[in-house]
Amino acid sequence: MSATASFEVPTPHGPRDVTVSYARVGHGEPLVLLHGIGHHRQVWDPVVDILATEREVIAVDLPGFGASPALPDGLAYDLPTTNAVLAALFTALELDRPHVAGNSLGGLLALELGREKLVRSVTALSPAGFWSQAERRYAFSVLRAMRGTARRLPPGLVERLSRTAAGRTALTSTIYARPGRRSPEAVVAETFALAEASGFAATLRAGRTVRFTDDVPHVPVTVGWGSRDMLLVRRQGIRAKRIIPRARLVRLPGCGHCPMNDDPALVARVILDGSR
């Protein structure tokens, strides 16, 4: 069920009020799901029902994305601020060190939460931050192009394109290896979410200096990478394994950058195994 939580986040200039939208379903140990830049929590829909058979699943819209309002003026969309927001959200929802799974930006955030010992386990799917500078520039240019296209397309055209497999491929093949499997309604919603994301530009700016270089020694870590990821190429998974040597590195055959849609059963199994 969709809900919102409002809470105070400590900052150097005093506490600030932040509101986050989320959906909560299932029973068991809590599992928080974090999406990537420009997306929204519904990207996890293909796997939520499977996960909810064993976990209490909390899918979050990050601030400035999906249904969550932008951060208050003066708060940066950087890793320290987002860590503080998520830690405060956990407290507001009475989540004591939940498991966390994230994709892309969400995977980077999940690893940061693990490094800070705020979670029980981390599953990171194609996490950001393991790129070379050339790979980062390529990924950011693709993301900016996707955002520009989403903002320029008339809503009626987006809806017409979404009704065919070819149209869904044109709109989403950068992030899905099997875009024809995505429902028309989901493609329309995520295209609009990308176009309207108030936190997109600031998050991308903050990411220009991001590199994940520290081990995560205190919690179990699983890193999954799609064999057909065209945004963050799979050799970045090898770098992640070198930096986090105890991590379990899992190949996701036939999956793209957002593998939840491409192979829901496989992705759900990887997340559940990683959170046991």
C-alpha atoms as a PDB file:
ATOM      1  CA  MET A   1       0.000   0.000   0.000  1.00  0.00           C
ATOM      2  CA  SER A   2       1.313   3.439  -0.946  1.00  0.00           C
ATOM      3  CA  ALA A   3       2.054   5.818   1.921  1.00  0.00           C
ATOM      4  CA  THR A   4       4.262   8.760   2.876  1.00  0.00           C
ATOM      5  CA  ALA A   5       6.550   9.369   5.815  1.00  0.00           C
ATOM      6  CA  SER A   6       7.641  12.817   6.995  1.00  0.00           C
ATOM      7  CA  PHE A   7      10.588  13.147   9.352  1.00  0.00           C
ATOM      8  CA  GLU A   8      13.450  15.392  10.360  1.00  0.00           C
ATOM      9  CA  VAL A   9      16.924  14.933   8.891  1.00  0.00           C
ATOM     10  CA  PRO A  10      19.877  16.330  10.836  1.00  0.00           C
ATOM     11  CA  THR A  11      22.058  18.746   8.862  1.00  0.00           C
ATOM     12  CA  PRO A  12      24.949  21.069   9.779  1.00  0.00           C
ATOM     13  CA  HIS A  13      22.412  23.909   9.704  1.00  0.00           C
ATOM     14  CA  GLY A  14      19.853  22.194  11.890  1.00  0.00           C
ATOM     15  CA  PRO A  15      17.133  19.592  11.266  1.00  0.00           C
ATOM     16  CA  ARG A  16      15.151  19.802   8.031  1.00  0.00           C
ATOM     17  CA  ASP A  17      11.796  18.198   7.214  1.00  0.00           C
ATOM     18  CA  VAL A  18      11.804  15.589   4.430  1.00  0.00           C
ATOM     19  CA  THR A  19       8.891  13.586   3.013  1.00  0.00           C
ATOM     20  CA  VAL A  20       9.326  10.242   1.259  1.00  0.00           C
ATOM     21  CA  SER A  21       6.748   8.143  -0.584  1.00  0.00           C
ATOM     22  CA  TYR A  22       6.910   4.368  -0.284  1.00  0.00           C
ATOM     23  CA  ALA A  23       4.907   1.160  -0.637  1.00  0.00           C
ATOM     24  CA  ARG A  24       4.931  -1.595   1.988  1.00  0.00           C
ATOM     25  CA  VAL A  25       3.742  -5.178   1.520  1.00  0.00           C
ATOM     26  CA  GLY A  26       4.442  -8.702   2.767  1.00  0.00           C
ATOM     27  CA  HIS A  27       5.624 -10.298   5.984  1.00  0.00           C
ATOM     28  CA  GLY A  28       9.000 -11.319   7.366  1.00  0.00           C
ATOM     29  CA  GLU A  29      12.295  -9.545   7.876  1.00  0.00           C
ATOM     30  CA  PRO A  30      12.190  -6.044   6.347  1.00  0.00           C
ATOM     31  CA  LEU A  31      13.725  -5.517   2.902  1.00  0.00           C
ATOM     32  CA  VAL A  32      14.081  -1.985   1.502  1.00  0.00           C
ATOM     33  CA  LEU A  33      14.230  -1.533  -2.291  1.00  0.00           C
ATOM     34  CA  LEU A  34      15.993   1.486  -3.852  1.00  0.00           C
ATOM     35  CA  HIS A  35      15.663   2.494  -7.517  1.00  0.00           C
ATOM     36  CA  GLY A  36      18.088   4.217  -9.889  1.00  0.00           C
ATOM     37  CA  ILE A  37      18.348   7.814 -11.090  1.00  0.00           C
ATOM     38  CA  GLY A  38      15.328   9.030 -13.016  1.00  0.00           C
ATOM     39  CA  HIS A  39      13.268   5.991 -12.080  1.00  0.00           C
ATOM     40  CA  HIS A  40      10.649   5.319  -9.430  1.00  0.00           C
ATOM     41  CA  ARG A  41       9.794   2.517  -7.032  1.00  0.00           C
ATOM     42  CA  GLN A  42       7.517   0.794  -9.559  1.00  0.00           C
ATOM     43  CA  VAL A  43      10.611  -0.500 -11.362  1.00  0.00           C
ATOM     44  CA  TRP A  44      10.582  -3.204  -8.662  1.00  0.00           C
ATOM     45  CA  ASP A  45       6.994  -4.287  -9.373  1.00  0.00           C
ATOM     46  CA  PRO A  46       7.984  -7.448 -11.321  1.00  0.00           C
ATOM     47  CA  VAL A  47       9.713  -8.901  -8.238  1.00  0.00           C
ATOM     48  CA  VAL A  48       7.760  -7.430  -5.306  1.00  0.00           C
ATOM     49  CA  ASP A  49       5.137 -10.168  -5.054  1.00  0.00           C
ATOM     50  CA  ILE A  50       7.819 -12.881  -5.082  1.00  0.00           C
ATOM     51  CA  LEU A  51       9.892 -11.096  -2.448  1.00  0.00           C
ATOM     52  CA  ALA A  52       6.818 -10.447  -0.296  1.00  0.00           C
ATOM     53  CA  THR A  53       6.313 -14.186   0.238  1.00  0.00           C
ATOM     54  CA  GLU A  54       9.386 -14.130   2.518  1.00  0.00           C
ATOM     55  CA  ARG A  55      10.052 -10.481   3.349  1.00  0.00           C
ATOM     56  CA  GLU A  56       8.250  -7.343   4.408  1.00  0.00           C
ATOM     57  CA  VAL A  57       9.063  -5.273   1.325  1.00  0.00           C
ATOM     58  CA  ILE A  58       9.382  -1.492   1.484  1.00  0.00           C
ATOM     59  CA  ALA A  59       9.862   0.038  -1.988  1.00  0.00           C
ATOM     60  CA  VAL A  60      10.999   3.650  -1.720  1.00  0.00           C
ATOM     61  CA  ASP A  61      10.768   6.651  -4.028  1.00  0.00           C
ATOM     62  CA  LEU A  62      14.006   8.539  -3.417  1.00  0.00           C
ATOM     63  CA  PRO A  63      13.632  12.289  -2.730  1.00  0.00           C
ATOM     64  CA  GLY A  64      12.996  14.172  -5.961  1.00  0.00           C
ATOM     65  CA  PHE A  65      11.905  11.026  -7.825  1.00  0.00           C
ATOM     66  CA  GLY A  66       8.607   9.265  -8.323  1.00  0.00           C
ATOM     67  CA  ALA A  67       6.012  10.476  -5.847  1.00  0.00           C
ATOM     68  CA  SER A  68       8.551  11.827  -3.333  1.00  0.00           C
ATOM     69  CA  PRO A  69       8.903  15.622  -3.190  1.00  0.00           C
ATOM     70  CA  ALA A  70      12.233  17.296  -3.820  1.00  0.00           C
ATOM     71  CA  LEU A  71      14.629  17.829  -0.960  1.00  0.00           C
ATOM     72  CA  PRO A  72      14.247  21.154   0.872  1.00  0.00           C
ATOM     73  CA  ASP A  73      16.301  24.047  -0.468  1.00  0.00           C
ATOM     74  CA  GLY A  74      19.863  23.870   0.783  1.00  0.00           C
ATOM     75  CA  LEU A  75      20.080  20.088   0.949  1.00  0.00           C
ATOM     76  CA  ALA A  76      22.362  18.480  -1.612  1.00  0.00           C
ATOM     77  CA  TYR A  77      21.562  15.325  -3.558  1.00  0.00           C
ATOM     78  CA  ASP A  78      24.871  13.782  -2.522  1.00  0.00           C
ATOM     79  CA  LEU A  79      25.700  10.515  -0.761  1.00  0.00           C
ATOM     80  CA  PRO A  80      25.984  11.908   2.800  1.00  0.00           C
ATOM     81  CA  THR A  81      22.610  13.644   2.555  1.00  0.00           C
ATOM     82  CA  THR A  82      20.853  10.654   0.991  1.00  0.00           C
ATOM     83  CA  ASN A  83      22.387   8.352   3.611  1.00  0.00           C
ATOM     84  CA  ALA A  84      21.042  10.623   6.337  1.00  0.00           C
ATOM     85  CA  VAL A  85      17.591  10.687   4.688  1.00  0.00           C
ATOM     86  CA  LEU A  86      17.430   6.896   4.439  1.00  0.00           C
ATOM     87  CA  ALA A  87      18.670   6.431   8.007  1.00  0.00           C
ATOM     88  CA  ALA A  88      15.963   8.823   9.233  1.00  0.00           C
ATOM     89  CA  LEU A  89      13.382   6.986   7.111  1.00  0.00           C
ATOM     90  CA  PHE A  90      14.373   3.677   8.719  1.00  0.00           C
ATOM     91  CA  THR A  91      13.827   5.242  12.136  1.00  0.00           C
ATOM     92  CA  ALA A  92      10.474   6.731  11.116  1.00  0.00           C
ATOM     93  CA  LEU A  93       9.274   3.351   9.817  1.00  0.00           C
ATOM     94  CA  GLU A  94      10.725   1.499  12.836  1.00  0.00           C
ATOM     95  CA  LEU A  95      13.064  -0.556  10.674  1.00  0.00           C
ATOM     96  CA  ASP A  96      15.968  -1.903  12.715  1.00  0.00           C
ATOM     97  CA  ARG A  97      18.799  -2.546  10.250  1.00  0.00           C
ATOM     98  CA  PRO A  98      16.679  -3.839   7.358  1.00  0.00           C
ATOM     99  CA  HIS A  99      18.027  -5.777   4.417  1.00  0.00           C
ATOM    100  CA  VAL A 100      18.452  -3.516   1.390  1.00  0.00           C
ATOM    101  CA  ALA A 101      18.549  -4.102  -2.355  1.00  0.00           C
ATOM    102  CA  GLY A 102      19.270  -1.385  -4.879  1.00  0.00           C
ATOM    103  CA  ASN A 103      19.682  -0.941  -8.604  1.00  0.00           C
ATOM    104  CA  SER A 104      22.130   1.499 -10.251  1.00  0.00           C
ATOM    105  CA  LEU A 105      22.123   4.623  -8.034  1.00  0.00           C
ATOM    106  CA  GLY A 106      20.096   2.565  -5.550  1.00  0.00           C
ATOM    107  CA  GLY A 107      22.824  -0.089  -5.560  1.00  0.00           C
ATOM    108  CA  LEU A 108      25.446   2.529  -4.701  1.00  0.00           C
ATOM    109  CA  LEU A 109      23.232   3.833  -1.896  1.00  0.00           C
ATOM    110  CA  ALA A 110      22.712   0.285  -0.604  1.00  0.00           C
ATOM    111  CA  LEU A 111      26.477  -0.254  -0.457  1.00  0.00           C
ATOM    112  CA  GLU A 112      26.948   3.039   1.378  1.00  0.00           C
ATOM    113  CA  LEU A 113      24.324   1.984   3.928  1.00  0.00           C
ATOM    114  CA  GLY A 114      26.180  -1.310   4.346  1.00  0.00           C
ATOM    115  CA  ARG A 115      29.480   0.481   4.838  1.00  0.00           C
ATOM    116  CA  GLU A 116      27.828   2.569   7.556  1.00  0.00           C
ATOM    117  CA  LYS A 117      26.473  -0.634   9.192  1.00  0.00           C
ATOM    118  CA  LEU A 118      22.885   0.617   8.888  1.00  0.00           C
ATOM    119  CA  VAL A 119      21.574  -2.572   7.218  1.00  0.00           C
ATOM    120  CA  ARG A 120      21.758  -6.356   7.687  1.00  0.00           C
ATOM    121  CA  SER A 121      22.650  -7.261   4.117  1.00  0.00           C
ATOM    122  CA  VAL A 122      23.171  -5.582   0.746  1.00  0.00           C
ATOM    123  CA  THR A 123      22.185  -6.714  -2.725  1.00  0.00           C
ATOM    124  CA  ALA A 124      23.436  -4.275  -5.374  1.00  0.00           C
ATOM    125  CA  LEU A 125      22.281  -4.758  -8.976  1.00  0.00           C
ATOM    126  CA  SER A 126      24.529  -2.933 -11.468  1.00  0.00           C
ATOM    127  CA  PRO A 127      25.534  -0.408  -8.798  1.00  0.00           C
ATOM    128  CA  ALA A 128      26.906   2.974  -9.796  1.00  0.00           C
ATOM    129  CA  GLY A 129      30.341   4.084  -8.690  1.00  0.00           C
ATOM    130  CA  PHE A 130      32.620   1.361 -10.092  1.00  0.00           C
ATOM    131  CA  TRP A 131      33.180   3.139 -13.389  1.00  0.00           C
ATOM    132  CA  SER A 132      36.239   4.611 -15.040  1.00  0.00           C
ATOM    133  CA  GLN A 133      35.942   8.284 -15.906  1.00  0.00           C
ATOM    134  CA  ALA A 134      35.275   7.413 -19.548  1.00  0.00           C
ATOM    135  CA  GLU A 135      32.556   4.933 -18.535  1.00  0.00           C
ATOM    136  CA  ARG A 136      30.971   7.500 -16.228  1.00  0.00           C
ATOM    137  CA  ARG A 137      30.929  10.150 -18.935  1.00  0.00           C
ATOM    138  CA  TYR A 138      29.340   7.685 -21.351  1.00  0.00           C
ATOM    139  CA  ALA A 139      26.662   6.628 -18.837  1.00  0.00           C
ATOM    140  CA  PHE A 140      25.855  10.219 -17.896  1.00  0.00           C
ATOM    141  CA  SER A 141      25.559  11.271 -21.538  1.00  0.00           C
ATOM    142  CA  VAL A 142      23.130   8.408 -22.165  1.00  0.00           C
ATOM    143  CA  LEU A 143      21.096   9.349 -19.106  1.00  0.00           C
ATOM    144  CA  ARG A 144      20.930  12.999 -20.160  1.00  0.00           C
ATOM    145  CA  ALA A 145      19.803  11.947 -23.643  1.00  0.00           C
ATOM    146  CA  MET A 146      17.102   9.683 -22.180  1.00  0.00           C
ATOM    147  CA  ARG A 147      15.908  12.505 -19.950  1.00  0.00           C
ATOM    148  CA  GLY A 148      15.856  14.961 -22.852  1.00  0.00           C
ATOM    149  CA  THR A 149      13.850  12.567 -25.009  1.00  0.00           C
ATOM    150  CA  ALA A 150      11.366  11.887 -22.207  1.00  0.00           C
ATOM    151  CA  ARG A 151      10.820  15.620 -21.699  1.00  0.00           C
ATOM    152  CA  ARG A 152      10.386  16.382 -25.391  1.00  0.00           C
ATOM    153  CA  LEU A 153       7.962  13.604 -26.322  1.00  0.00           C
ATOM    154  CA  PRO A 154       4.279  14.612 -26.191  1.00  0.00           C
ATOM    155  CA  PRO A 155       2.305  12.466 -23.724  1.00  0.00           C
ATOM    156  CA  GLY A 156       0.047  11.193 -26.483  1.00  0.00           C
ATOM    157  CA  LEU A 157       3.015   9.950 -28.484  1.00  0.00           C
ATOM    158  CA  VAL A 158       4.470   8.176 -25.440  1.00  0.00           C
ATOM    159  CA  GLU A 159       1.152   6.405 -24.923  1.00  0.00           C
ATOM    160  CA  ARG A 160       0.952   5.369 -28.590  1.00  0.00           C
ATOM    161  CA  LEU A 161       4.526   4.084 -28.628  1.00  0.00           C
ATOM    162  CA  SER A 162       3.951   2.076 -25.462  1.00  0.00           C
ATOM    163  CA  ARG A 163       1.189   0.029 -27.112  1.00  0.00           C
ATOM    164  CA  THR A 164       3.618  -1.886 -29.344  1.00  0.00           C
ATOM    165  CA  ALA A 165       6.699  -3.958 -28.566  1.00  0.00           C
ATOM    166  CA  ALA A 166       8.677  -1.874 -31.062  1.00  0.00           C
ATOM    167  CA  GLY A 167       7.589   1.332 -29.357  1.00  0.00           C
ATOM    168  CA  ARG A 168       8.470   0.022 -25.904  1.00  0.00           C
ATOM    169  CA  THR A 169      11.855  -0.989 -27.286  1.00  0.00           C
ATOM    170  CA  ALA A 170      12.422   2.528 -28.628  1.00  0.00           C
ATOM    171  CA  LEU A 171      11.565   4.022 -25.237  1.00  0.00           C
ATOM    172  CA  THR A 172      13.326   1.631 -22.843  1.00  0.00           C
ATOM    173  CA  SER A 173      15.871  -0.615 -24.603  1.00  0.00           C
ATOM    174  CA  THR A 174      18.753   1.272 -22.966  1.00  0.00           C
ATOM    175  CA  ILE A 175      17.845  -0.124 -19.564  1.00  0.00           C
ATOM    176  CA  TYR A 176      15.951  -3.341 -20.384  1.00  0.00           C
ATOM    177  CA  ALA A 177      17.291  -6.261 -22.407  1.00  0.00           C
ATOM    178  CA  ARG A 178      13.722  -7.450 -22.981  1.00  0.00           C
ATOM    179  CA  PRO A 179      11.721  -4.202 -23.216  1.00  0.00           C
ATOM    180  CA  GLY A 180       8.796  -5.916 -24.918  1.00  0.00           C
ATOM    181  CA  ARG A 181       8.018  -7.621 -21.606  1.00  0.00           C
ATOM    182  CA  ARG A 182       7.360  -4.304 -19.880  1.00  0.00           C
ATOM    183  CA  SER A 183       3.675  -3.424 -19.774  1.00  0.00           C
ATOM    184  CA  PRO A 184       2.487  -0.373 -21.739  1.00  0.00           C
ATOM    185  CA  GLU A 185       1.245   1.255 -18.530  1.00  0.00           C
ATOM    186  CA  ALA A 186       4.617   0.781 -16.840  1.00  0.00           C
ATOM    187  CA  VAL A 187       6.514   2.254 -19.796  1.00  0.00           C
ATOM    188  CA  VAL A 188       4.273   5.330 -19.855  1.00  0.00           C
ATOM    189  CA  ALA A 189       4.622   5.808 -16.099  1.00  0.00           C
ATOM    190  CA  GLU A 190       8.400   5.486 -16.027  1.00  0.00           C
ATOM    191  CA  THR A 191       8.825   7.782 -19.049  1.00  0.00           C
ATOM    192  CA  PHE A 192       6.796  10.449 -17.266  1.00  0.00           C
ATOM    193  CA  ALA A 193       8.723   9.791 -14.026  1.00  0.00           C
ATOM    194  CA  LEU A 194      12.009  10.403 -15.835  1.00  0.00           C
ATOM    195  CA  ALA A 195      10.709  13.582 -17.448  1.00  0.00           C
ATOM    196  CA  GLU A 196       9.341  14.988 -14.186  1.00  0.00           C
ATOM    197  CA  ALA A 197      12.091  13.940 -11.733  1.00  0.00           C
ATOM    198  CA  SER A 198      12.970  17.135  -9.885  1.00  0.00           C
ATOM    199  CA  GLY A 199      16.102  15.579  -8.378  1.00  0.00           C
ATOM    200  CA  PHE A 200      17.600  14.337 -11.652  1.00  0.00           C
ATOM    201  CA  ALA A 201      19.958  17.160 -12.579  1.00  0.00           C
ATOM    202  CA  ALA A 202      21.276  17.712  -9.045  1.00  0.00           C
ATOM    203  CA  THR A 203      21.816  13.988  -8.510  1.00  0.00           C
ATOM    204  CA  LEU A 204      23.718  13.701 -11.787  1.00  0.00           C
ATOM    205  CA  ARG A 205      25.894  16.689 -10.851  1.00  0.00           C
ATOM    206  CA  ALA A 206      26.690  15.154  -7.471  1.00  0.00           C
ATOM    207  CA  GLY A 207      27.634  11.896  -9.176  1.00  0.00           C
ATOM    208  CA  ARG A 208      30.456  13.412 -11.222  1.00  0.00           C
ATOM    209  CA  THR A 209      32.952  12.891  -8.385  1.00  0.00           C
ATOM    210  CA  VAL A 210      31.567   9.603  -7.052  1.00  0.00           C
ATOM    211  CA  ARG A 211      33.769   6.504  -6.971  1.00  0.00           C
ATOM    212  CA  PHE A 212      33.137   3.605  -4.593  1.00  0.00           C
ATOM    213  CA  THR A 213      36.573   2.677  -3.250  1.00  0.00           C
ATOM    214  CA  ASP A 214      35.971   1.204   0.235  1.00  0.00           C
ATOM    215  CA  ASP A 215      35.309  -2.348   1.340  1.00  0.00           C
ATOM    216  CA  VAL A 216      32.027  -3.273   3.057  1.00  0.00           C
ATOM    217  CA  PRO A 217      33.380  -5.617   5.714  1.00  0.00           C
ATOM    218  CA  HIS A 218      30.540  -5.743   8.210  1.00  0.00           C
ATOM    219  CA  VAL A 219      27.549  -7.118   6.256  1.00  0.00           C
ATOM    220  CA  PRO A 220      26.960  -9.770   3.571  1.00  0.00           C
ATOM    221  CA  VAL A 221      27.121  -8.229   0.090  1.00  0.00           C
ATOM    222  CA  THR A 222      25.821  -9.590  -3.200  1.00  0.00           C
ATOM    223  CA  VAL A 223      26.616  -7.783  -6.455  1.00  0.00           C
ATOM    224  CA  GLY A 224      24.587  -8.779  -9.518  1.00  0.00           C
ATOM    225  CA  TRP A 225      25.332  -7.629 -13.058  1.00  0.00           C
ATOM    226  CA  GLY A 226      23.282  -8.168 -16.195  1.00  0.00           C
ATOM    227  CA  SER A 227      25.168  -9.758 -19.082  1.00  0.00           C
ATOM    228  CA  ARG A 228      23.430  -7.290 -21.452  1.00  0.00           C
ATOM    229  CA  ASP A 229      23.802  -4.119 -19.377  1.00  0.00           C
ATOM    230  CA  MET A 230      24.391  -1.349 -21.929  1.00  0.00           C
ATOM    231  CA  LEU A 231      24.554   1.528 -19.440  1.00  0.00           C
ATOM    232  CA  LEU A 232      27.063   0.321 -16.829  1.00  0.00           C
ATOM    233  CA  VAL A 233      29.055  -2.351 -18.620  1.00  0.00           C
ATOM    234  CA  ARG A 234      29.599  -5.637 -16.811  1.00  0.00           C
ATOM    235  CA  ARG A 235      33.384  -5.311 -16.376  1.00  0.00           C
ATOM    236  CA  GLN A 236      32.505  -2.866 -13.609  1.00  0.00           C
ATOM    237  CA  GLY A 237      31.305  -5.892 -11.655  1.00  0.00           C
ATOM    238  CA  ILE A 238      34.854  -7.246 -11.644  1.00  0.00           C
ATOM    239  CA  ARG A 239      36.037  -3.951 -10.160  1.00  0.00           C
ATOM    240  CA  ALA A 240      33.339  -4.202  -7.506  1.00  0.00           C
ATOM    241  CA  LYS A 241      34.561  -7.690  -6.570  1.00  0.00           C
ATOM    242  CA  ARG A 242      38.134  -6.410  -6.232  1.00  0.00           C
ATOM    243  CA  ILE A 243      37.051  -3.555  -3.972  1.00  0.00           C
ATOM    244  CA  ILE A 244      34.654  -5.726  -1.936  1.00  0.00           C
ATOM    245  CA  PRO A 245      36.495  -9.063  -1.998  1.00  0.00           C
ATOM    246  CA  ARG A 246      34.020 -10.907   0.237  1.00  0.00           C
ATOM    247  CA  ALA A 247      31.108  -9.948  -1.980  1.00  0.00           C
ATOM    248  CA  ARG A 248      29.244 -12.617  -3.918  1.00  0.00           C
ATOM    249  CA  LEU A 249      29.391 -11.616  -7.599  1.00  0.00           C
ATOM    250  CA  VAL A 250      26.453 -13.007  -9.587  1.00  0.00           C
ATOM    251  CA  ARG A 251      26.054 -12.910 -13.362  1.00  0.00           C
ATOM    252  CA  LEU A 252      22.507 -12.267 -14.561  1.00  0.00           C
ATOM    253  CA  PRO A 253      22.313 -13.877 -18.016  1.00  0.00           C
ATOM    254  CA  GLY A 254      20.192 -12.102 -20.594  1.00  0.00           C
ATOM    255  CA  CYS A 255      19.480  -9.148 -18.299  1.00  0.00           C
ATOM    256  CA  GLY A 256      19.979  -5.459 -18.906  1.00  0.00           C
ATOM    257  CA  HIS A 257      20.694  -2.563 -16.562  1.00  0.00           C
ATOM    258  CA  CYS A 258      17.362  -2.943 -14.738  1.00  0.00           C
ATOM    259  CA  PRO A 259      17.199  -6.758 -14.512  1.00  0.00           C
ATOM    260  CA  MET A 260      14.030  -6.945 -12.413  1.00  0.00           C
ATOM    261  CA  ASN A 261      11.883  -6.791 -15.545  1.00  0.00           C
ATOM    262  CA  ASP A 262      14.089  -9.036 -17.689  1.00  0.00           C
ATOM    263  CA  ASP A 263      14.156 -12.050 -15.346  1.00  0.00           C
ATOM    264  CA  PRO A 264      12.017 -11.490 -12.221  1.00  0.00           C
ATOM    265  CA  ALA A 265      12.423 -15.028 -10.865  1.00  0.00           C
ATOM    266  CA  LEU A 266      16.222 -14.916 -11.088  1.00  0.00           C
ATOM    267  CA  VAL A 267      16.489 -11.458  -9.561  1.00  0.00           C
ATOM    268  CA  ALA A 268      14.111 -12.333  -6.714  1.00  0.00           C
ATOM    269  CA  ARG A 269      16.132 -15.458  -5.964  1.00  0.00           C
ATOM    270  CA  VAL A 270      19.396 -13.498  -5.918  1.00  0.00           C
ATOM    271  CA  ILE A 271      17.907 -10.932  -3.516  1.00  0.00           C
ATOM    272  CA  LEU A 272      16.371 -13.535  -1.211  1.00  0.00           C
ATOM    273  CA  ASP A 273      19.556 -15.598  -1.163  1.00  0.00           C
ATOM    274  CA  GLY A 274      21.576 -12.482  -0.396  1.00  0.00           C
ATOM    275  CA  SER A 275      19.306 -11.559   2.518  1.00  0.00           C
ATOM    276  CA  ARG A 276      19.317 -14.936   4.232  1.00  0.00           C
END
